[in-house]
Protein backbone atom coordinates (compact mmCIF):
# COMPACT_ATOMS: atom_id res chain seq x y z
CA MET A 1 112.81 127.22 42.56
CA ARG A 2 112.32 124.18 44.77
CA ARG A 3 113.01 126.18 47.92
CA PHE A 4 110.51 128.81 46.83
CA ILE A 5 107.78 126.22 46.20
CA ILE A 6 108.37 124.65 49.62
CA ARG A 7 108.38 128.06 51.31
CA ARG A 8 105.13 129.14 49.64
CA PHE A 9 103.52 125.80 50.45
CA VAL A 10 104.42 126.12 54.13
CA PHE A 11 103.15 129.71 54.16
CA GLY A 12 99.87 128.53 52.63
CA LEU A 13 99.41 125.92 55.33
CA PHE A 14 100.17 128.56 57.97
CA SER A 15 97.53 130.88 56.46
CA ILE A 16 94.90 128.14 56.60
CA VAL A 17 95.72 127.40 60.24
CA VAL A 18 95.60 131.09 61.24
CA ALA A 19 92.28 131.75 59.48
CA THR A 20 90.50 128.72 60.91
CA LEU A 21 92.07 129.28 64.33
CA ALA A 22 90.66 132.82 64.45
CA VAL A 23 87.12 131.59 63.77
CA PHE A 24 87.59 128.77 66.27
CA PHE A 25 88.60 131.14 69.07
CA ILE A 26 85.76 133.53 68.23
CA SER A 27 83.29 130.69 68.65
CA ARG A 28 84.75 130.04 72.10
CA ALA A 29 84.70 133.75 73.02
CA ALA A 30 80.96 134.01 72.25
CA GLY A 31 80.12 132.15 75.47
CA ASP A 32 79.94 128.62 76.73
CA PRO A 33 80.43 126.42 73.64
CA LEU A 34 78.03 123.90 75.13
CA ASP A 35 75.18 126.38 74.68
CA LEU A 36 75.96 126.54 70.96
CA TYR A 37 76.99 123.00 70.12
CA ALA A 38 74.73 121.05 72.44
CA ASN A 39 71.77 123.45 72.81
CA SER A 40 71.76 122.58 76.48
CA GLY A 41 70.79 124.62 79.52
CA TYR A 42 67.37 123.22 80.42
CA GLY A 43 66.52 119.78 81.67
CA ILE A 44 70.04 118.37 81.57
CA SER A 45 71.75 116.76 84.52
CA PRO A 46 75.35 117.50 85.53
CA GLU A 47 76.28 113.96 84.50
CA GLY A 48 74.70 114.44 81.09
CA GLU A 49 76.43 117.78 80.63
CA ALA A 50 79.77 116.23 81.53
CA ALA A 51 79.16 113.41 79.04
CA ILE A 52 78.33 115.89 76.26
CA ARG A 53 81.43 117.96 77.04
CA GLN A 54 83.57 114.85 76.89
CA ARG A 55 82.00 113.72 73.61
CA LEU A 56 82.52 117.13 71.99
CA GLY A 57 85.99 117.53 73.48
CA LEU A 58 84.96 120.67 75.38
CA ASP A 59 86.64 119.42 78.57
CA LYS A 60 90.07 119.90 76.99
CA PRO A 61 92.12 123.12 76.52
CA VAL A 62 91.17 125.29 73.56
CA VAL A 63 94.41 124.55 71.68
CA VAL A 64 93.79 120.83 72.04
CA GLN A 65 90.20 121.31 70.88
CA TYR A 66 91.39 123.09 67.75
CA THR A 67 94.00 120.44 67.04
CA LEU A 68 91.37 117.73 67.31
CA TRP A 69 89.00 119.70 65.05
CA LEU A 70 91.70 120.29 62.44
CA GLY A 71 92.64 116.60 62.44
CA ARG A 72 89.01 115.60 61.95
CA ALA A 73 88.52 118.29 59.28
CA LEU A 74 91.40 116.92 57.22
CA LYS A 75 89.58 113.58 57.31
CA GLY A 76 86.30 115.16 56.19
CA ASP A 77 84.68 115.35 59.63
CA MET A 78 83.84 118.99 60.49
CA GLY A 79 81.12 118.30 63.00
CA GLU A 80 77.39 118.86 62.69
CA THR A 81 75.26 121.89 61.94
CA LEU A 82 73.54 123.40 64.96
CA LEU A 83 70.02 123.55 63.53
CA ASP A 84 69.34 120.26 61.78
CA ARG A 85 72.34 118.20 62.98
CA LYS A 86 73.61 117.36 59.50
CA PRO A 87 77.29 116.70 58.72
CA VAL A 88 78.93 120.06 58.02
CA PHE A 89 81.28 118.67 55.38
CA SER A 90 78.47 117.26 53.24
CA VAL A 91 76.34 120.42 53.64
CA VAL A 92 79.18 122.73 52.62
CA THR A 93 80.42 120.58 49.75
CA GLN A 94 76.88 120.52 48.34
CA ARG A 95 77.00 124.32 48.09
CA LEU A 96 80.63 124.51 46.95
CA PRO A 97 80.02 123.70 43.22
CA ALA A 98 77.51 126.55 42.90
CA THR A 99 80.00 129.05 44.35
CA ILE A 100 82.85 127.73 42.22
CA GLN A 101 80.68 127.93 39.09
CA LEU A 102 79.63 131.53 39.74
CA GLY A 103 83.10 132.63 40.87
CA ALA A 104 84.94 130.94 38.01
CA VAL A 105 82.70 132.39 35.31
CA ALA A 106 82.86 135.86 36.86
CA TYR A 107 86.63 135.59 37.29
CA LEU A 108 87.19 134.57 33.68
CA LEU A 109 84.83 137.28 32.45
CA SER A 110 86.61 140.00 34.42
CA PHE A 111 90.05 138.71 33.41
CA PHE A 112 89.45 138.16 29.69
CA VAL A 113 87.41 141.34 29.24
CA GLY A 114 89.23 143.71 31.56
CA ILE A 115 92.76 142.95 30.34
CA PRO A 116 92.10 143.40 26.58
CA LEU A 117 90.19 146.59 27.28
CA GLY A 118 93.10 147.84 29.37
CA VAL A 119 95.52 147.06 26.53
CA ILE A 120 93.33 148.85 23.96
CA SER A 121 92.94 151.82 26.29
CA ALA A 122 96.72 152.11 26.71
CA VAL A 123 97.58 151.60 23.04
CA LYS A 124 94.98 154.15 21.90
CA ARG A 125 95.84 156.64 24.60
CA GLY A 126 93.78 159.83 24.40
CA SER A 127 91.29 158.38 21.91
CA GLY A 128 87.63 157.58 22.35
CA TRP A 129 88.49 153.96 23.20
CA ASP A 130 90.74 155.20 25.97
CA TYR A 131 88.06 157.41 27.48
CA LEU A 132 85.51 154.60 27.17
CA GLY A 133 87.77 152.13 28.96
CA ARG A 134 88.60 154.60 31.72
CA PHE A 135 84.91 155.43 32.12
CA PHE A 136 83.96 151.77 32.61
CA ALA A 137 86.88 151.27 35.01
CA LEU A 138 85.74 154.24 37.07
CA LEU A 139 82.13 153.11 36.91
CA GLY A 140 83.08 149.62 38.03
CA GLN A 141 84.88 150.95 41.08
CA ALA A 142 82.20 153.48 42.02
CA VAL A 143 78.99 151.46 41.59
CA PRO A 144 78.18 149.24 44.61
CA GLN A 145 77.46 145.62 43.81
CA PHE A 146 74.19 145.52 45.72
CA TRP A 147 72.87 148.53 43.77
CA LEU A 148 73.98 147.08 40.43
CA GLY A 149 72.38 143.73 41.21
CA LEU A 150 69.08 145.32 42.14
CA VAL A 151 69.09 147.49 39.01
CA LEU A 152 69.82 144.49 36.79
CA ILE A 153 66.96 142.58 38.40
CA LEU A 154 64.62 145.53 37.96
CA LEU A 155 65.50 146.02 34.29
CA PHE A 156 66.23 142.57 32.89
CA ALA A 157 64.03 140.41 35.13
CA VAL A 158 61.05 142.60 36.05
CA HIS A 159 60.55 145.04 33.16
CA TRP A 160 61.97 143.18 30.16
CA GLU A 161 61.70 139.62 31.54
CA LEU A 162 64.83 138.47 29.71
CA PHE A 163 66.54 136.66 32.59
CA PRO A 164 65.36 135.09 35.85
CA ALA A 165 65.76 137.19 38.98
CA ALA A 166 67.02 134.48 41.33
CA LEU A 167 68.04 130.88 41.98
CA ARG A 168 70.44 128.69 40.03
CA GLY A 169 68.17 126.76 37.74
CA GLU A 170 67.61 123.07 37.30
CA ASN A 171 71.20 122.29 36.33
CA ALA A 172 74.63 123.92 36.04
CA TRP A 173 74.16 124.55 32.31
CA ASP A 174 71.16 126.83 32.77
CA VAL A 175 72.92 129.95 31.47
CA LYS A 176 69.97 132.30 31.90
CA HIS A 177 70.17 132.07 35.69
CA LEU A 178 73.89 132.73 35.54
CA VAL A 179 73.92 135.95 33.51
CA LEU A 180 72.78 138.57 36.04
CA PRO A 181 74.76 137.35 39.08
CA THR A 182 77.87 136.85 36.93
CA ILE A 183 77.77 140.41 35.57
CA THR A 184 77.18 141.78 39.06
CA LEU A 185 80.04 139.80 40.57
CA ALA A 186 82.48 140.43 37.70
CA TRP A 187 81.83 144.17 37.52
CA GLY A 188 84.41 145.14 40.14
CA GLY A 189 87.03 142.71 38.83
CA PHE A 190 86.49 143.95 35.30
CA ALA A 191 87.26 147.52 36.40
CA PHE A 192 90.23 146.36 38.48
CA TYR A 193 91.95 144.52 35.62
CA THR A 194 91.23 147.31 33.15
CA ARG A 195 92.85 149.88 35.39
CA ILE A 196 96.01 147.98 36.33
CA THR A 197 96.52 146.63 32.79
CA ARG A 198 96.27 150.10 31.30
CA SER A 199 98.73 151.46 33.86
CA ALA A 200 101.21 148.62 33.25
CA MET A 201 100.95 148.89 29.47
CA LEU A 202 101.54 152.66 29.53
CA GLN A 203 104.66 152.14 31.58
CA VAL A 204 106.00 149.44 29.28
CA LEU A 205 105.14 151.26 26.05
CA ASP A 206 107.26 154.23 27.17
CA SER A 207 110.33 152.06 27.85
CA GLU A 208 113.50 152.11 25.77
CA TYR A 209 113.33 148.58 24.37
CA ILE A 210 109.87 149.25 22.93
CA ARG A 211 111.19 152.33 21.17
CA LEU A 212 114.14 150.29 19.88
CA ALA A 213 111.80 147.60 18.55
CA ARG A 214 109.74 150.20 16.71
CA ALA A 215 112.90 151.82 15.34
CA LYS A 216 114.05 148.45 13.98
CA GLY A 217 110.81 148.15 12.02
CA VAL A 218 109.05 145.52 14.11
CA GLY A 219 105.33 145.37 13.37
CA ASN A 220 102.92 147.16 15.67
CA LYS A 221 101.02 143.98 16.68
CA THR A 222 104.28 142.19 17.49
CA VAL A 223 105.48 145.11 19.60
CA ILE A 224 102.22 145.30 21.53
CA TRP A 225 101.38 141.64 22.13
CA LYS A 226 104.80 140.00 22.17
CA HIS A 227 107.11 142.60 23.70
CA ALA A 228 104.90 144.99 25.68
CA PHE A 229 101.99 142.81 26.80
CA LYS A 230 104.17 139.96 28.07
CA ASN A 231 106.02 142.28 30.45
CA ALA A 232 102.92 144.23 31.43
CA LEU A 233 101.10 141.00 32.32
CA ILE A 234 103.08 140.68 35.57
CA GLN A 235 100.97 143.29 37.35
CA PRO A 236 97.59 141.70 36.47
CA LEU A 237 98.97 138.34 37.59
CA THR A 238 100.05 139.91 40.86
CA GLY A 239 96.50 141.16 41.29
CA MET A 240 94.97 137.72 40.71
CA PRO A 241 94.86 136.80 44.44
CA LEU A 242 93.40 140.22 45.27
CA GLY A 243 90.83 139.75 42.52
CA LEU A 244 89.90 136.35 43.92
CA VAL A 245 89.51 137.79 47.42
CA GLY A 246 87.23 140.46 46.01
CA LEU A 247 85.17 137.84 44.18
CA LEU A 248 84.79 135.69 47.31
CA ASN A 249 83.79 138.70 49.38
CA GLY A 250 81.41 139.84 46.66
CA ALA A 251 79.98 136.35 46.29
CA ILE A 252 78.50 136.60 49.78
CA LEU A 253 76.54 139.70 48.79
CA VAL A 254 75.70 138.62 45.24
CA GLU A 255 74.50 135.18 46.28
CA THR A 256 72.25 136.79 48.88
CA ILE A 257 70.74 139.21 46.34
CA PHE A 258 70.09 136.56 43.69
CA ALA A 259 69.27 133.72 46.15
CA TRP A 260 72.13 131.76 44.63
CA PRO A 261 72.50 128.46 46.53
CA GLY A 262 76.22 128.79 47.24
CA MET A 263 78.57 129.10 50.18
CA GLY A 264 78.20 132.88 50.37
CA ASN A 265 74.47 132.62 50.96
CA MET A 266 75.14 129.87 53.47
CA ALA A 267 77.65 132.08 55.31
CA ILE A 268 74.99 134.76 55.89
CA THR A 269 72.59 132.14 57.25
CA ALA A 270 75.30 130.69 59.48
CA VAL A 271 76.11 134.12 60.92
CA ASN A 272 72.44 134.80 61.70
CA ASN A 273 72.11 131.41 63.38
CA ASN A 274 75.47 131.47 65.22
CA ASP A 275 76.32 128.26 63.38
CA PHE A 276 80.07 128.33 64.02
CA PRO A 277 80.79 124.82 62.67
CA VAL A 278 79.49 125.91 59.27
CA LEU A 279 81.42 129.20 59.45
CA GLN A 280 84.64 127.34 60.23
CA ALA A 281 84.13 125.06 57.24
CA ILE A 282 83.39 128.01 54.92
CA VAL A 283 86.49 129.87 56.09
CA PHE A 284 88.49 126.67 55.64
CA PHE A 285 87.43 126.22 52.01
CA PHE A 286 87.68 129.92 51.13
CA THR A 287 91.20 130.09 52.56
CA ILE A 288 92.26 127.05 50.54
CA LEU A 289 90.98 128.71 47.34
CA ILE A 290 92.82 131.97 48.07
CA VAL A 291 96.06 130.20 49.02
CA ALA A 292 95.93 128.01 45.91
CA MET A 293 95.36 131.01 43.63
CA THR A 294 98.22 132.90 45.28
CA PHE A 295 100.50 129.90 44.79
CA VAL A 296 99.60 129.59 41.10
CA SER A 297 100.09 133.34 40.64
CA ASP A 298 103.58 133.24 42.15
CA LEU A 299 104.64 130.28 40.04
CA SER A 300 103.41 131.92 36.84
CA TYR A 301 105.93 134.77 37.18
CA ALA A 302 108.82 132.55 36.13
CA PHE A 303 107.03 131.59 32.93
CA ILE A 304 106.02 135.16 32.08
CA ASP A 305 109.32 136.90 32.88
CA PRO A 306 112.54 134.83 32.47
CA ARG A 307 114.48 137.46 34.43
CA ILE A 308 112.73 136.34 37.63
CA ARG A 309 114.60 133.68 39.57
CA TYR A 310 113.66 132.23 42.92
CA ASP A 311 116.42 131.33 45.35
C-alpha cells in the first residue's frame, strides 16, 4: 500500500509538470515572449530590452525558464497579468472559490442523484422506472450544455422569472444564482453516473453470490445495498476522475453562459487576450484538482473491495 501511494504521488507530480510545461512551451512558440510579457516593440532601447529580458529570465534557455517559473509558482509567485499587471496568483485564487463552489455542488448533485437512479433502474429492470432512468441518461448525453443553459435561462429567468440569469450573487450562500448553472453543469455527470451504475448493478445482480444470498433468504434491501451495491460501486468510483474532468471542461462553457465569476470564465478571457501567465496558473490549479481526485479515487478501492491489494 505504501509503495502504491508513493507511486501515485510521483505520477501526480509528473502530470502537473507535463501539463504546465506544455502551456509554457506554447507561450514560447507563439512568438517572442518579450512581445507578450513586456508589451515592448516601440520606443525601447536595446539596453532597456536587454534589461527586461534579464529581469523576466528570457535570456536563459527555455528549460531553465520553466524551472524558474515552477520554483516561483510553488512559492505563490506566478508572475503578473499582461493587461493590468496584477499578481497572477492573487487574481486566480480570487476566482478559485467560485469555481470550486459551482463544481462541488454540481459534482455532488450528479453523484448522489445519478447513482441512486442507476441502482433503481437496474433493480427494476424493464419497468417504467428503468425506462425513465435510461431516458434521462440518454438525454443527458445527447443535449449540449450550451443549449441546455440557454433554454433554462429562457424559461426560468426570462419567462417565469424564478431564478437569476447570471452572476454569482452577493455571497456564496445565494442559492438562487446557483440553481441554473449547477443543473446545467451537472446534467452530463448525472447521465454518466446513471449509465455506468446501471450497467455495473446489472452485472453484479446476475452473479452467483447474489443468487446464493437470495436462495438463503437474505432480505431484498440487504442483497441490493450491502452485497450488490458495494461491489458495483467500483465502476462509478473509477469514473470519478473522468467526471471531474468533464465538470472542469464544462465549467468553462457554463461559467461563460451564466457570467459566473470563476476560473473557467477567466480562462476564456485569458485565451482572447493571449494572457499566458493566467493560462499557466489555471492549468496548474486544474491539474492539481484532477490529480487529487484521481488519487482519492484510487485509494478508495481498498476500502470498497477488500480483495484489492496494492503491491
